[in-house]
Amino acid sequence: MARQKGIIKLKGTIGDITFYKSKDGYIAREKGGIDASRIATDPAFQRTRENGSEFGRAGKAGKVLRLALRSVLINSADSKMVSRLTTQMVKVIQADVTSARGLRNVIDGEAELLSGFDFNINGKLGTILYAPYTATIDRLTGDLTINIAPFVPINMIAAPSGTTHYKIISAGAEIDFEAETFTSSNTETALLPWNTVLTAAIQHTNPITPASIKPLFLALGIEFYQEINGQMYPLKSGASNPLSLVQVSGV
């Protein structure tokens, strides 16, 4: 693979060279590889087919999780988040010790391996929010809860330059990875000033189906704003907003 240089950028195929645009710029690479029909049928590629099946399953699972959390994720994700999440989902699937290779899945894997996943690598929750909090999943009631004790914002939130206000966001999700469906809810505070005044206690309760037997996910994040002439504007288009899975409960 080579990076295209020069004024004219090419797209398409010339001979055995394919030209295309990616997130890394304009790329040129030589056509090649093994015929797809051989990979699909040749016994020598059994492991390749198994790995491909599980990778595809991981991609679908990541997509369902992203959709379930879209209300809070839309302003809190980096450009590589999808690939990072898929990689972590592969680890979840590989932790399945009951299914045959190639048939391993999220349900029989270890969904808890997703706990602590940061959707924005440029703004990790653990390096921005220092106020102590508790994250609780109650399967019986279906309540996914965040509790944050009173804190001084300027001391306990490492806000990016230009911040005047912020809000705490959270979401709970119940996901059926086999059916690719979900139930979710989200909560957010009002816009709060980033100052030296002690806040009130914050509690978010995100209800889902009581007594669920599906994997449950609880996410916590912050959105930053700047006040200009009485108007609130998202700071840096959300580039520094953290969002993390703070509690995960598998089946």
C-alpha atoms as a PDB file:
ATOM      1  CA  MET A   1       0.000   0.000   0.000  1.00  0.00           C
ATOM      2  CA  ALA A   2       1.329   3.442  -0.965  1.00  0.00           C
ATOM      3  CA  ARG A   3       0.130   6.977  -0.376  1.00  0.00           C
ATOM      4  CA  GLN A   4      -0.653   9.055  -3.476  1.00  0.00           C
ATOM      5  CA  LYS A   5       1.256  12.293  -3.921  1.00  0.00           C
ATOM      6  CA  GLY A   6       0.886  15.118  -6.368  1.00  0.00           C
ATOM      7  CA  ILE A   7      -1.863  17.491  -7.433  1.00  0.00           C
ATOM      8  CA  ILE A   8      -4.091  14.967  -9.241  1.00  0.00           C
ATOM      9  CA  LYS A   9      -5.620  12.285  -7.007  1.00  0.00           C
ATOM     10  CA  LEU A  10      -6.874   9.117  -8.677  1.00  0.00           C
ATOM     11  CA  LYS A  11      -9.828   6.873  -7.862  1.00  0.00           C
ATOM     12  CA  GLY A  12     -10.544   3.543  -9.509  1.00  0.00           C
ATOM     13  CA  THR A  13      -8.425   0.772 -11.032  1.00  0.00           C
ATOM     14  CA  ILE A  14      -5.709   0.961 -13.656  1.00  0.00           C
ATOM     15  CA  GLY A  15      -4.254  -2.414 -14.566  1.00  0.00           C
ATOM     16  CA  ASP A  16      -3.373  -4.134 -11.310  1.00  0.00           C
ATOM     17  CA  ILE A  17      -3.332  -0.925  -9.229  1.00  0.00           C
ATOM     18  CA  THR A  18      -6.389   0.277  -7.306  1.00  0.00           C
ATOM     19  CA  PHE A  19      -6.616   3.933  -6.281  1.00  0.00           C
ATOM     20  CA  TYR A  20      -8.988   5.052  -3.519  1.00  0.00           C
ATOM     21  CA  LYS A  21      -9.534   7.582  -0.743  1.00  0.00           C
ATOM     22  CA  SER A  22      -9.446   6.512   2.912  1.00  0.00           C
ATOM     23  CA  LYS A  23      -9.372   8.275   6.263  1.00  0.00           C
ATOM     24  CA  ASP A  24      -5.586   8.226   5.935  1.00  0.00           C
ATOM     25  CA  GLY A  25      -5.601  10.041   2.574  1.00  0.00           C
ATOM     26  CA  TYR A  26      -5.393   8.926  -1.051  1.00  0.00           C
ATOM     27  CA  ILE A  27      -4.029   5.391  -1.281  1.00  0.00           C
ATOM     28  CA  ALA A  28      -2.774   3.158  -4.101  1.00  0.00           C
ATOM     29  CA  ARG A  29      -2.358  -0.585  -3.759  1.00  0.00           C
ATOM     30  CA  GLU A  30      -1.753  -3.558  -5.991  1.00  0.00           C
ATOM     31  CA  LYS A  31      -4.609  -5.934  -6.691  1.00  0.00           C
ATOM     32  CA  GLY A  32      -4.001  -9.399  -5.453  1.00  0.00           C
ATOM     33  CA  GLY A  33      -4.947 -11.948  -2.850  1.00  0.00           C
ATOM     34  CA  ILE A  34      -6.673 -15.293  -3.016  1.00  0.00           C
ATOM     35  CA  ASP A  35      -9.826 -15.879  -5.025  1.00  0.00           C
ATOM     36  CA  ALA A  36     -12.937 -15.454  -2.868  1.00  0.00           C
ATOM     37  CA  SER A  37     -14.529 -18.688  -4.081  1.00  0.00           C
ATOM     38  CA  ARG A  38     -11.494 -20.646  -2.939  1.00  0.00           C
ATOM     39  CA  ILE A  39     -11.641 -19.091   0.518  1.00  0.00           C
ATOM     40  CA  ALA A  40     -15.335 -20.003   0.711  1.00  0.00           C
ATOM     41  CA  THR A  41     -14.861 -23.692  -0.165  1.00  0.00           C
ATOM     42  CA  ASP A  42     -11.266 -24.853   0.288  1.00  0.00           C
ATOM     43  CA  PRO A  43     -10.790 -26.883   3.527  1.00  0.00           C
ATOM     44  CA  ALA A  44      -7.410 -25.188   3.922  1.00  0.00           C
ATOM     45  CA  PHE A  45      -9.233 -21.950   4.665  1.00  0.00           C
ATOM     46  CA  GLN A  46     -11.576 -23.352   7.325  1.00  0.00           C
ATOM     47  CA  ARG A  47      -9.947 -21.217  10.040  1.00  0.00           C
ATOM     48  CA  THR A  48     -10.191 -18.146   7.811  1.00  0.00           C
ATOM     49  CA  ARG A  49     -13.929 -18.740   7.359  1.00  0.00           C
ATOM     50  CA  GLU A  50     -14.405 -19.242  11.088  1.00  0.00           C
ATOM     51  CA  ASN A  51     -12.498 -16.060  11.924  1.00  0.00           C
ATOM     52  CA  GLY A  52     -14.426 -14.131   9.287  1.00  0.00           C
ATOM     53  CA  SER A  53     -17.745 -15.334  10.659  1.00  0.00           C
ATOM     54  CA  GLU A  54     -16.879 -14.250  14.187  1.00  0.00           C
ATOM     55  CA  PHE A  55     -15.473 -10.933  13.021  1.00  0.00           C
ATOM     56  CA  GLY A  56     -18.694 -10.245  11.143  1.00  0.00           C
ATOM     57  CA  ARG A  57     -20.697 -11.147  14.236  1.00  0.00           C
ATOM     58  CA  ALA A  58     -18.563  -8.736  16.279  1.00  0.00           C
ATOM     59  CA  GLY A  59     -19.191  -5.948  13.776  1.00  0.00           C
ATOM     60  CA  LYS A  60     -22.956  -6.446  13.942  1.00  0.00           C
ATOM     61  CA  ALA A  61     -22.891  -6.541  17.750  1.00  0.00           C
ATOM     62  CA  GLY A  62     -20.918  -3.311  17.876  1.00  0.00           C
ATOM     63  CA  LYS A  63     -23.409  -1.654  15.535  1.00  0.00           C
ATOM     64  CA  VAL A  64     -26.378  -2.625  17.730  1.00  0.00           C
ATOM     65  CA  LEU A  65     -24.606  -1.283  20.821  1.00  0.00           C
ATOM     66  CA  ARG A  66     -23.838   1.998  19.051  1.00  0.00           C
ATOM     67  CA  LEU A  67     -27.460   2.360  17.964  1.00  0.00           C
ATOM     68  CA  ALA A  68     -28.682   1.633  21.493  1.00  0.00           C
ATOM     69  CA  LEU A  69     -26.471   4.424  22.877  1.00  0.00           C
ATOM     70  CA  ARG A  70     -26.861   6.829  19.961  1.00  0.00           C
ATOM     71  CA  SER A  71     -28.642   9.486  22.051  1.00  0.00           C
ATOM     72  CA  VAL A  72     -25.486  10.023  24.124  1.00  0.00           C
ATOM     73  CA  LEU A  73     -22.894   8.744  21.649  1.00  0.00           C
ATOM     74  CA  ILE A  74     -23.660  11.182  18.854  1.00  0.00           C
ATOM     75  CA  ASN A  75     -21.515  13.938  20.416  1.00  0.00           C
ATOM     76  CA  SER A  76     -18.891  11.743  22.095  1.00  0.00           C
ATOM     77  CA  ALA A  77     -17.016   9.513  19.647  1.00  0.00           C
ATOM     78  CA  ASP A  78     -13.628   9.585  17.928  1.00  0.00           C
ATOM     79  CA  SER A  79     -12.988   8.699  14.278  1.00  0.00           C
ATOM     80  CA  LYS A  80     -11.577   5.243  15.119  1.00  0.00           C
ATOM     81  CA  MET A  81     -14.299   4.288  17.597  1.00  0.00           C
ATOM     82  CA  VAL A  82     -16.089   1.804  15.343  1.00  0.00           C
ATOM     83  CA  SER A  83     -12.959  -0.242  14.667  1.00  0.00           C
ATOM     84  CA  ARG A  84     -11.891  -0.095  18.318  1.00  0.00           C
ATOM     85  CA  LEU A  85     -15.300  -1.323  19.444  1.00  0.00           C
ATOM     86  CA  THR A  86     -15.296  -4.138  16.906  1.00  0.00           C
ATOM     87  CA  THR A  87     -11.868  -5.248  18.147  1.00  0.00           C
ATOM     88  CA  GLN A  88     -13.165  -5.358  21.716  1.00  0.00           C
ATOM     89  CA  MET A  89     -16.285  -7.238  20.599  1.00  0.00           C
ATOM     90  CA  VAL A  90     -14.046  -9.868  19.001  1.00  0.00           C
ATOM     91  CA  LYS A  91     -12.455 -10.400  22.432  1.00  0.00           C
ATOM     92  CA  VAL A  92     -15.914 -10.780  23.968  1.00  0.00           C
ATOM     93  CA  ILE A  93     -16.823 -13.422  21.381  1.00  0.00           C
ATOM     94  CA  GLN A  94     -13.509 -15.250  21.768  1.00  0.00           C
ATOM     95  CA  ALA A  95     -14.258 -15.586  25.492  1.00  0.00           C
ATOM     96  CA  ASP A  96     -17.178 -17.916  24.626  1.00  0.00           C
ATOM     97  CA  VAL A  97     -16.051 -21.319  25.952  1.00  0.00           C
ATOM     98  CA  THR A  98     -19.228 -23.252  25.058  1.00  0.00           C
ATOM     99  CA  SER A  99     -19.747 -22.721  21.322  1.00  0.00           C
ATOM    100  CA  ALA A 100     -17.678 -24.243  18.506  1.00  0.00           C
ATOM    101  CA  ARG A 101     -15.082 -22.055  16.847  1.00  0.00           C
ATOM    102  CA  GLY A 102     -16.733 -19.966  14.174  1.00  0.00           C
ATOM    103  CA  LEU A 103     -20.030 -20.058  16.095  1.00  0.00           C
ATOM    104  CA  ARG A 104     -18.878 -18.226  19.209  1.00  0.00           C
ATOM    105  CA  ASN A 105     -21.058 -15.246  20.090  1.00  0.00           C
ATOM    106  CA  VAL A 106     -21.566 -12.294  22.428  1.00  0.00           C
ATOM    107  CA  ILE A 107     -24.331 -13.984  24.456  1.00  0.00           C
ATOM    108  CA  ASP A 108     -22.099 -16.881  25.466  1.00  0.00           C
ATOM    109  CA  GLY A 109     -18.995 -14.699  25.661  1.00  0.00           C
ATOM    110  CA  GLU A 110     -17.975 -12.191  28.311  1.00  0.00           C
ATOM    111  CA  ALA A 111     -19.824  -8.918  27.691  1.00  0.00           C
ATOM    112  CA  GLU A 112     -18.219  -7.580  30.866  1.00  0.00           C
ATOM    113  CA  LEU A 113     -14.979  -7.212  28.880  1.00  0.00           C
ATOM    114  CA  LEU A 114     -16.590  -4.066  27.447  1.00  0.00           C
ATOM    115  CA  SER A 115     -16.699  -2.418  30.870  1.00  0.00           C
ATOM    116  CA  GLY A 116     -14.498   0.672  30.864  1.00  0.00           C
ATOM    117  CA  PHE A 117     -14.618   1.081  27.077  1.00  0.00           C
ATOM    118  CA  ASP A 118     -14.126   4.746  26.130  1.00  0.00           C
ATOM    119  CA  PHE A 119     -16.024   5.821  23.030  1.00  0.00           C
ATOM    120  CA  ASN A 120     -13.802   8.885  22.669  1.00  0.00           C
ATOM    121  CA  ILE A 121     -10.107   8.043  22.865  1.00  0.00           C
ATOM    122  CA  ASN A 122      -9.362  11.783  22.802  1.00  0.00           C
ATOM    123  CA  GLY A 123     -11.413  12.398  25.941  1.00  0.00           C
ATOM    124  CA  LYS A 124     -11.333   9.486  28.384  1.00  0.00           C
ATOM    125  CA  LEU A 125     -13.794   9.655  31.270  1.00  0.00           C
ATOM    126  CA  GLY A 126     -11.183   8.542  33.804  1.00  0.00           C
ATOM    127  CA  THR A 127      -8.908  11.475  32.980  1.00  0.00           C
ATOM    128  CA  ILE A 128     -11.690  14.082  32.939  1.00  0.00           C
ATOM    129  CA  LEU A 129     -14.198  13.239  35.684  1.00  0.00           C
ATOM    130  CA  TYR A 130     -12.589  12.931  39.117  1.00  0.00           C
ATOM    131  CA  ALA A 131     -15.749  13.241  41.202  1.00  0.00           C
ATOM    132  CA  PRO A 132     -16.556   9.895  42.884  1.00  0.00           C
ATOM    133  CA  TYR A 133     -19.611   8.149  41.468  1.00  0.00           C
ATOM    134  CA  THR A 134     -21.397   4.822  41.688  1.00  0.00           C
ATOM    135  CA  ALA A 135     -22.843   2.912  38.737  1.00  0.00           C
ATOM    136  CA  THR A 136     -25.463   0.301  39.558  1.00  0.00           C
ATOM    137  CA  ILE A 137     -27.393  -2.198  37.452  1.00  0.00           C
ATOM    138  CA  ASP A 138     -30.452  -3.695  39.150  1.00  0.00           C
ATOM    139  CA  ARG A 139     -31.769  -6.483  36.945  1.00  0.00           C
ATOM    140  CA  LEU A 140     -34.849  -7.074  39.087  1.00  0.00           C
ATOM    141  CA  THR A 141     -36.196  -3.518  38.832  1.00  0.00           C
ATOM    142  CA  GLY A 142     -34.620  -2.718  35.476  1.00  0.00           C
ATOM    143  CA  ASP A 143     -33.032   0.459  36.857  1.00  0.00           C
ATOM    144  CA  LEU A 144     -29.548   1.414  35.642  1.00  0.00           C
ATOM    145  CA  THR A 145     -28.414   4.157  37.990  1.00  0.00           C
ATOM    146  CA  ILE A 146     -25.642   6.723  38.317  1.00  0.00           C
ATOM    147  CA  ASN A 147     -25.081   8.547  41.615  1.00  0.00           C
ATOM    148  CA  ILE A 148     -22.588  11.404  41.978  1.00  0.00           C
ATOM    149  CA  ALA A 149     -22.036  13.072  45.349  1.00  0.00           C
ATOM    150  CA  PRO A 150     -21.795  16.896  45.512  1.00  0.00           C
ATOM    151  CA  PHE A 151     -18.506  18.203  44.076  1.00  0.00           C
ATOM    152  CA  VAL A 152     -16.767  21.410  43.023  1.00  0.00           C
ATOM    153  CA  PRO A 153     -16.784  21.364  39.196  1.00  0.00           C
ATOM    154  CA  ILE A 154     -13.570  23.295  38.583  1.00  0.00           C
ATOM    155  CA  ASN A 155     -11.697  20.901  40.903  1.00  0.00           C
ATOM    156  CA  MET A 156     -13.266  17.604  39.839  1.00  0.00           C
ATOM    157  CA  ILE A 157     -13.805  18.047  36.090  1.00  0.00           C
ATOM    158  CA  ALA A 158     -10.755  18.569  33.868  1.00  0.00           C
ATOM    159  CA  ALA A 159     -12.601  20.633  31.286  1.00  0.00           C
ATOM    160  CA  PRO A 160     -11.014  21.696  27.987  1.00  0.00           C
ATOM    161  CA  SER A 161      -9.970  25.307  27.463  1.00  0.00           C
ATOM    162  CA  GLY A 162     -12.916  27.601  26.774  1.00  0.00           C
ATOM    163  CA  THR A 163     -15.442  25.657  28.843  1.00  0.00           C
ATOM    164  CA  THR A 164     -18.033  27.693  30.728  1.00  0.00           C
ATOM    165  CA  HIS A 165     -20.716  25.025  31.194  1.00  0.00           C
ATOM    166  CA  TYR A 166     -21.173  21.260  31.069  1.00  0.00           C
ATOM    167  CA  LYS A 167     -23.793  18.611  31.543  1.00  0.00           C
ATOM    168  CA  ILE A 168     -23.626  15.056  32.815  1.00  0.00           C
ATOM    169  CA  ILE A 169     -25.190  12.467  30.495  1.00  0.00           C
ATOM    170  CA  SER A 170     -25.925   8.779  30.945  1.00  0.00           C
ATOM    171  CA  ALA A 171     -27.774   5.968  29.207  1.00  0.00           C
ATOM    172  CA  GLY A 172     -28.871   2.429  29.950  1.00  0.00           C
ATOM    173  CA  ALA A 173     -29.403  -0.246  27.318  1.00  0.00           C
ATOM    174  CA  GLU A 174     -30.770  -3.781  27.146  1.00  0.00           C
ATOM    175  CA  ILE A 175     -29.563  -5.558  24.013  1.00  0.00           C
ATOM    176  CA  ASP A 176     -30.677  -8.702  22.229  1.00  0.00           C
ATOM    177  CA  PHE A 177     -27.621  -9.384  20.080  1.00  0.00           C
ATOM    178  CA  GLU A 178     -29.202 -12.361  18.323  1.00  0.00           C
ATOM    179  CA  ALA A 179     -32.283 -10.432  17.186  1.00  0.00           C
ATOM    180  CA  GLU A 180     -30.240  -7.222  16.802  1.00  0.00           C
ATOM    181  CA  THR A 181     -32.792  -5.250  18.839  1.00  0.00           C
ATOM    182  CA  PHE A 182     -32.538  -3.127  21.963  1.00  0.00           C
ATOM    183  CA  THR A 183     -34.355  -1.117  24.618  1.00  0.00           C
ATOM    184  CA  SER A 184     -32.680   1.997  25.964  1.00  0.00           C
ATOM    185  CA  SER A 185     -33.236   5.191  27.912  1.00  0.00           C
ATOM    186  CA  ASN A 186     -31.066   8.184  28.722  1.00  0.00           C
ATOM    187  CA  THR A 187     -30.850  11.006  31.245  1.00  0.00           C
ATOM    188  CA  GLU A 188     -29.014  14.313  31.375  1.00  0.00           C
ATOM    189  CA  THR A 189     -28.613  17.203  33.764  1.00  0.00           C
ATOM    190  CA  ALA A 190     -29.403  20.777  32.884  1.00  0.00           C
ATOM    191  CA  LEU A 191     -26.471  22.859  31.679  1.00  0.00           C
ATOM    192  CA  LEU A 192     -24.355  23.478  34.765  1.00  0.00           C
ATOM    193  CA  PRO A 193     -21.710  26.180  35.298  1.00  0.00           C
ATOM    194  CA  TRP A 194     -18.095  25.042  35.464  1.00  0.00           C
ATOM    195  CA  ASN A 195     -17.144  27.037  38.535  1.00  0.00           C
ATOM    196  CA  THR A 196     -16.101  26.799  42.192  1.00  0.00           C
ATOM    197  CA  VAL A 197     -19.614  26.358  43.607  1.00  0.00           C
ATOM    198  CA  LEU A 198     -20.474  22.996  45.174  1.00  0.00           C
ATOM    199  CA  THR A 199     -23.049  21.123  43.103  1.00  0.00           C
ATOM    200  CA  ALA A 200     -26.098  19.303  44.387  1.00  0.00           C
ATOM    201  CA  ALA A 201     -26.014  15.505  44.375  1.00  0.00           C
ATOM    202  CA  ILE A 202     -26.703  14.055  40.933  1.00  0.00           C
ATOM    203  CA  GLN A 203     -28.755  10.912  40.352  1.00  0.00           C
ATOM    204  CA  HIS A 204     -29.620   9.427  36.975  1.00  0.00           C
ATOM    205  CA  THR A 205     -31.983   6.475  36.682  1.00  0.00           C
ATOM    206  CA  ASN A 206     -32.243   4.888  33.244  1.00  0.00           C
ATOM    207  CA  PRO A 207     -35.032   2.271  33.238  1.00  0.00           C
ATOM    208  CA  ILE A 208     -35.158  -0.739  30.927  1.00  0.00           C
ATOM    209  CA  THR A 209     -37.128  -4.018  31.058  1.00  0.00           C
ATOM    210  CA  PRO A 210     -37.498  -5.353  34.635  1.00  0.00           C
ATOM    211  CA  ALA A 211     -36.067  -8.833  35.245  1.00  0.00           C
ATOM    212  CA  SER A 212     -34.290  -8.804  31.889  1.00  0.00           C
ATOM    213  CA  ILE A 213     -32.199 -11.827  30.922  1.00  0.00           C
ATOM    214  CA  LYS A 214     -30.286  -9.957  28.223  1.00  0.00           C
ATOM    215  CA  PRO A 215     -26.933  -8.115  28.463  1.00  0.00           C
ATOM    216  CA  LEU A 216     -27.245  -4.675  30.075  1.00  0.00           C
ATOM    217  CA  PHE A 217     -25.013  -1.644  29.550  1.00  0.00           C
ATOM    218  CA  LEU A 218     -24.682   1.609  31.499  1.00  0.00           C
ATOM    219  CA  ALA A 219     -22.805   4.552  29.986  1.00  0.00           C
ATOM    220  CA  LEU A 220     -21.705   7.816  31.622  1.00  0.00           C
ATOM    221  CA  GLY A 221     -20.328  10.933  29.975  1.00  0.00           C
ATOM    222  CA  ILE A 222     -19.953  14.705  29.941  1.00  0.00           C
ATOM    223  CA  GLU A 223     -20.681  17.304  27.273  1.00  0.00           C
ATOM    224  CA  PHE A 224     -18.862  20.663  27.341  1.00  0.00           C
ATOM    225  CA  TYR A 225     -20.238  24.039  26.269  1.00  0.00           C
ATOM    226  CA  GLN A 226     -19.125  27.625  25.916  1.00  0.00           C
ATOM    227  CA  GLU A 227     -21.417  30.575  26.591  1.00  0.00           C
ATOM    228  CA  ILE A 228     -21.036  33.485  24.164  1.00  0.00           C
ATOM    229  CA  ASN A 229     -23.356  36.485  24.416  1.00  0.00           C
ATOM    230  CA  GLY A 230     -25.949  34.482  26.275  1.00  0.00           C
ATOM    231  CA  GLN A 231     -25.923  31.567  23.795  1.00  0.00           C
ATOM    232  CA  MET A 232     -24.592  28.068  24.529  1.00  0.00           C
ATOM    233  CA  TYR A 233     -22.383  26.396  21.937  1.00  0.00           C
ATOM    234  CA  PRO A 234     -21.018  22.810  22.010  1.00  0.00           C
ATOM    235  CA  LEU A 235     -17.307  23.164  22.669  1.00  0.00           C
ATOM    236  CA  LYS A 236     -14.982  22.067  19.841  1.00  0.00           C
ATOM    237  CA  SER A 237     -17.841  20.141  18.222  1.00  0.00           C
ATOM    238  CA  GLY A 238     -17.701  17.631  21.057  1.00  0.00           C
ATOM    239  CA  ALA A 239     -14.123  16.548  20.330  1.00  0.00           C
ATOM    240  CA  SER A 240     -13.286  16.456  24.053  1.00  0.00           C
ATOM    241  CA  ASN A 241     -16.564  14.951  25.333  1.00  0.00           C
ATOM    242  CA  PRO A 242     -15.957  11.706  27.256  1.00  0.00           C
ATOM    243  CA  LEU A 243     -18.349   8.735  27.242  1.00  0.00           C
ATOM    244  CA  SER A 244     -17.580   5.392  28.812  1.00  0.00           C
ATOM    245  CA  LEU A 245     -19.276   2.101  29.629  1.00  0.00           C
ATOM    246  CA  VAL A 246     -19.074   2.245  33.415  1.00  0.00           C
ATOM    247  CA  GLN A 247     -21.058  -0.921  34.167  1.00  0.00           C
ATOM    248  CA  VAL A 248     -21.839  -3.999  32.089  1.00  0.00           C
ATOM    249  CA  SER A 249     -23.869  -7.035  33.109  1.00  0.00           C
ATOM    250  CA  GLY A 250     -23.837 -10.057  30.800  1.00  0.00           C
ATOM    251  CA  VAL A 251     -26.409 -12.832  30.897  1.00  0.00           C
END
